[in-house]
Amino acid sequence: MSPEANTAKSGSAPGGRMGRQRARTRAALVSAAQTLLAQRRINVAIREITETANVGFGSFFNHFTSKEELFDEAVHVTLAQHSRVLDVLTRGIDDPARVLALGIRTTGRLQRQQPEMARIFLHQGTRLLLDTTGPTARARANLALGVESGRFAAPADIEFALMAILGALLGVVQFLDAHPEADASASADQLAEGVLVSLGVESSEARRIAREPLPPAFDG
């Protein structure tokens, strides 16, 4: 029997039983790291991570070389998850103003809809503003598209404008985290409207865009 056949028979081939078990273990470790990040508990022992993940201590080093590598992966996965949500919400929309408003409104609502994800964003703080692959990168591209197409008034510095917008968004999420009684929908929509106006969108149109119906998962 060939080595390939032996591998397949043992279940260790990619997608086989062992491969699926490895994927489950890795996912459990990442999920545990997300939970710890949301709780602002990063100075923990590896054993506490594996206990949170409900996996064996030795399995940690089959996937990660350090806690830092695991937490970096947890942040990357969290950003990718939110990016996929934004991809679905904005699919087929070619207006940069509507795309920007949807991003602000849904991200602002995260503290109520997915508080763990929101707290991971808050834990990362301004480091998120420099991300090159997740929601920050897509916001940067959309802002540039809006300026190039004439939809947005050209700011003196696009990068500075982006940092100001995302910094304000993080501020809203932080405010909502500290004030559970506050209306997340109103706060996020108000920010979206203000940002559009600052980019040259006429005020009545900005208000309409910032109050368009959202999918049920974000409507509230």
Protein backbone atom coordinates (compact mmCIF):
# COMPACT_ATOMS: atom_id res chain seq x y z
CA MET A 1 0.00 0.00 0.00
CA SER A 2 1.36 3.45 -0.93
CA PRO A 3 2.27 6.04 1.77
CA GLU A 4 -0.59 8.18 0.50
CA ALA A 5 -3.04 5.34 0.98
CA ASN A 6 -1.69 4.66 4.47
CA THR A 7 -2.12 8.32 5.37
CA ALA A 8 -5.67 8.42 4.08
CA LYS A 9 -6.54 5.19 5.85
CA SER A 10 -5.18 6.49 9.17
CA GLY A 11 -7.31 9.59 8.89
CA SER A 12 -4.37 11.99 9.09
CA ALA A 13 -4.79 13.38 5.58
CA PRO A 14 -6.07 16.95 5.33
CA GLY A 15 -9.80 16.70 5.92
CA GLY A 16 -9.46 13.24 7.51
CA ARG A 17 -10.36 12.40 11.09
CA MET A 18 -7.06 13.58 12.54
CA GLY A 19 -7.09 16.67 10.37
CA ARG A 20 -10.56 17.55 11.57
CA GLN A 21 -9.49 17.00 15.19
CA ARG A 22 -6.50 19.31 14.72
CA ALA A 23 -8.78 21.96 13.24
CA ARG A 24 -11.20 21.65 16.17
CA THR A 25 -8.37 21.95 18.69
CA ARG A 26 -6.94 25.02 16.97
CA ALA A 27 -10.39 26.61 16.76
CA ALA A 28 -10.96 25.92 20.48
CA LEU A 29 -7.65 27.59 21.37
CA VAL A 30 -8.47 30.63 19.24
CA SER A 31 -11.95 30.85 20.76
CA ALA A 32 -10.47 30.67 24.26
CA ALA A 33 -8.04 33.45 23.37
CA GLN A 34 -10.92 35.58 22.06
CA THR A 35 -12.75 35.08 25.36
CA LEU A 36 -9.67 36.03 27.37
CA LEU A 37 -9.03 39.08 25.20
CA ALA A 38 -12.62 40.22 25.68
CA GLN A 39 -12.13 39.83 29.44
CA ARG A 40 -8.82 41.75 29.19
CA ARG A 41 -7.00 38.73 30.59
CA ILE A 42 -3.86 38.27 28.51
CA ASN A 43 -1.33 37.81 31.31
CA VAL A 44 -2.39 34.22 31.87
CA ALA A 45 -0.51 30.95 31.89
CA ILE A 46 -0.74 28.65 28.87
CA ARG A 47 -2.40 26.07 31.11
CA GLU A 48 -5.25 28.49 31.80
CA ILE A 49 -5.69 28.96 28.07
CA THR A 50 -5.86 25.23 27.42
CA GLU A 51 -8.25 24.75 30.33
CA THR A 52 -10.49 27.48 28.93
CA ALA A 53 -10.33 25.75 25.56
CA ASN A 54 -10.91 22.33 27.18
CA VAL A 55 -7.93 20.81 25.37
CA GLY A 56 -4.77 19.10 26.59
CA PHE A 57 -1.87 21.28 27.69
CA GLY A 58 0.55 19.62 25.28
CA SER A 59 -1.70 20.29 22.30
CA PHE A 60 -1.02 24.03 22.55
CA PHE A 61 2.46 23.69 21.07
CA ASN A 62 1.14 21.64 18.17
CA HIS A 63 -0.48 24.85 16.93
CA PHE A 64 1.28 27.88 18.42
CA THR A 65 4.78 28.70 19.59
CA SER A 66 3.72 31.28 22.18
CA LYS A 67 0.78 33.02 23.81
CA GLU A 68 1.57 36.11 21.75
CA GLU A 69 1.18 34.17 18.52
CA LEU A 70 -2.17 32.77 19.68
CA PHE A 71 -3.53 36.16 20.71
CA ASP A 72 -2.41 37.68 17.41
CA GLU A 73 -4.26 34.90 15.61
CA ALA A 74 -7.36 35.51 17.74
CA VAL A 75 -7.38 39.17 16.75
CA HIS A 76 -6.84 38.27 13.08
CA VAL A 77 -9.74 35.79 13.19
CA THR A 78 -12.00 38.35 14.89
CA LEU A 79 -11.23 40.98 12.26
CA ALA A 80 -11.81 38.44 9.48
CA GLN A 81 -15.17 37.48 11.00
CA HIS A 82 -16.32 41.08 11.03
CA SER A 83 -14.98 41.65 7.52
CA ARG A 84 -17.09 38.74 6.24
CA VAL A 85 -20.19 40.28 7.83
CA LEU A 86 -19.44 43.60 6.14
CA ASP A 87 -18.86 41.82 2.82
CA VAL A 88 -22.34 40.31 3.01
CA LEU A 89 -24.01 43.56 4.08
CA THR A 90 -22.41 45.65 1.34
CA ARG A 91 -22.57 43.12 -1.50
CA GLY A 92 -23.97 44.78 -4.60
CA ILE A 93 -23.77 48.31 -3.14
CA ASP A 94 -21.60 50.61 -5.25
CA ASP A 95 -22.21 53.87 -3.39
CA PRO A 96 -19.21 54.57 -1.11
CA ALA A 97 -21.42 56.68 1.18
CA ARG A 98 -23.79 53.78 1.84
CA VAL A 99 -20.90 51.35 2.29
CA LEU A 100 -19.24 53.65 4.82
CA ALA A 101 -22.49 54.23 6.70
CA LEU A 102 -23.20 50.49 6.91
CA GLY A 103 -19.73 49.85 8.27
CA ILE A 104 -20.08 52.51 10.96
CA ARG A 105 -23.64 51.58 11.91
CA THR A 106 -23.02 47.84 12.22
CA THR A 107 -19.68 48.19 13.99
CA GLY A 108 -21.19 50.70 16.40
CA ARG A 109 -23.90 48.20 17.28
CA LEU A 110 -21.40 45.41 18.03
CA GLN A 111 -21.27 46.25 21.72
CA ARG A 112 -24.91 45.21 22.02
CA GLN A 113 -25.03 42.51 19.33
CA GLN A 114 -21.63 40.84 19.89
CA PRO A 115 -20.07 42.33 23.03
CA GLU A 116 -17.14 39.90 23.07
CA MET A 117 -16.07 40.98 19.58
CA ALA A 118 -16.52 44.64 20.51
CA ARG A 119 -14.31 44.25 23.57
CA ILE A 120 -11.59 42.62 21.49
CA PHE A 121 -11.67 45.69 19.25
CA LEU A 122 -11.45 47.94 22.31
CA HIS A 123 -8.59 45.92 23.73
CA GLN A 124 -6.64 46.44 20.52
CA GLY A 125 -7.49 50.13 20.54
CA THR A 126 -5.53 52.34 18.18
CA ARG A 127 -3.54 49.37 16.87
CA LEU A 128 -6.63 48.50 14.84
CA LEU A 129 -6.28 51.77 12.97
CA LEU A 130 -3.07 50.51 11.40
CA ASP A 131 -4.44 47.13 10.34
CA THR A 132 -3.75 46.33 6.68
CA THR A 133 -6.02 43.33 6.10
CA GLY A 134 -9.31 43.68 8.01
CA PRO A 135 -12.10 46.25 8.31
CA THR A 136 -9.59 49.11 8.47
CA ALA A 137 -8.16 48.17 5.08
CA ARG A 138 -11.60 47.98 3.50
CA ALA A 139 -12.57 51.34 5.02
CA ARG A 140 -9.39 52.87 3.63
CA ALA A 141 -10.14 51.55 0.14
CA ASN A 142 -13.77 52.71 0.27
CA LEU A 143 -12.79 56.20 1.44
CA ALA A 144 -10.27 56.48 -1.39
CA LEU A 145 -12.89 55.29 -3.89
CA GLY A 146 -15.36 57.87 -2.63
CA VAL A 147 -12.82 60.65 -3.06
CA GLU A 148 -11.72 59.48 -6.51
CA SER A 149 -15.31 59.23 -7.74
CA GLY A 150 -16.25 62.65 -6.36
CA ARG A 151 -18.78 61.17 -3.94
CA PHE A 152 -16.76 62.50 -1.01
CA ALA A 153 -15.09 65.87 -0.75
CA ALA A 154 -11.34 65.32 -0.82
CA PRO A 155 -9.88 65.75 2.67
CA ALA A 156 -6.47 67.36 3.06
CA ASP A 157 -5.11 63.95 4.03
CA ILE A 158 -7.09 60.74 3.42
CA GLU A 159 -5.10 58.77 5.98
CA PHE A 160 -5.73 61.39 8.66
CA ALA A 161 -9.44 61.44 7.78
CA LEU A 162 -9.58 57.66 8.07
CA MET A 163 -7.89 57.70 11.48
CA ALA A 164 -10.33 60.38 12.68
CA ILE A 165 -13.36 58.38 11.50
CA LEU A 166 -12.20 55.08 13.00
CA GLY A 167 -11.05 56.77 16.18
CA ALA A 168 -14.53 58.26 16.60
CA LEU A 169 -16.06 54.84 15.96
CA LEU A 170 -13.90 53.22 18.63
CA GLY A 171 -14.96 56.05 20.93
CA VAL A 172 -18.63 55.24 20.35
CA VAL A 173 -18.04 51.54 21.07
CA GLN A 174 -16.15 52.48 24.25
CA PHE A 175 -18.97 54.81 25.30
CA LEU A 176 -21.56 52.08 24.79
CA ASP A 177 -19.44 49.58 26.71
CA ALA A 178 -19.30 51.99 29.65
CA HIS A 179 -22.98 52.97 29.42
CA PRO A 180 -25.22 49.90 29.01
CA GLU A 181 -28.32 52.09 29.21
CA ALA A 182 -27.35 54.12 26.13
CA ASP A 183 -29.11 53.63 22.79
CA ALA A 184 -26.55 51.92 20.56
CA SER A 185 -28.58 52.33 17.39
CA ALA A 186 -29.01 56.07 17.86
CA SER A 187 -25.34 56.55 18.73
CA ALA A 188 -24.05 54.60 15.73
CA ASP A 189 -26.50 56.22 13.30
CA GLN A 190 -25.69 59.69 14.57
CA LEU A 191 -21.98 59.06 14.03
CA ALA A 192 -22.59 57.72 10.51
CA GLU A 193 -24.62 60.80 9.63
CA GLY A 194 -21.99 63.15 11.00
CA VAL A 195 -19.17 61.41 9.17
CA LEU A 196 -21.03 61.60 5.84
CA VAL A 197 -21.72 65.30 6.31
CA SER A 198 -18.05 65.90 7.12
CA LEU A 199 -17.18 64.24 3.81
CA GLY A 200 -19.42 66.59 1.85
CA VAL A 201 -22.66 64.56 1.63
CA GLU A 202 -25.69 66.87 1.81
CA SER A 203 -27.18 66.77 5.32
CA SER A 204 -30.67 65.49 4.39
CA GLU A 205 -29.19 62.71 2.26
CA ALA A 206 -26.68 61.82 4.98
CA ARG A 207 -29.52 61.52 7.47
CA ARG A 208 -31.51 59.28 5.11
CA ILE A 209 -28.55 56.99 4.40
CA ALA A 210 -27.71 56.74 8.10
CA ARG A 211 -31.23 55.56 8.88
CA GLU A 212 -31.84 53.04 6.12
CA PRO A 213 -33.25 49.72 7.39
CA LEU A 214 -30.64 47.24 8.56
CA PRO A 215 -30.86 43.42 8.53
CA PRO A 216 -32.75 42.04 11.56
CA ALA A 217 -29.52 40.93 13.26
CA PHE A 218 -28.43 44.58 13.51
CA ASP A 219 -31.81 46.27 13.85
CA GLY A 220 -31.85 47.22 17.47
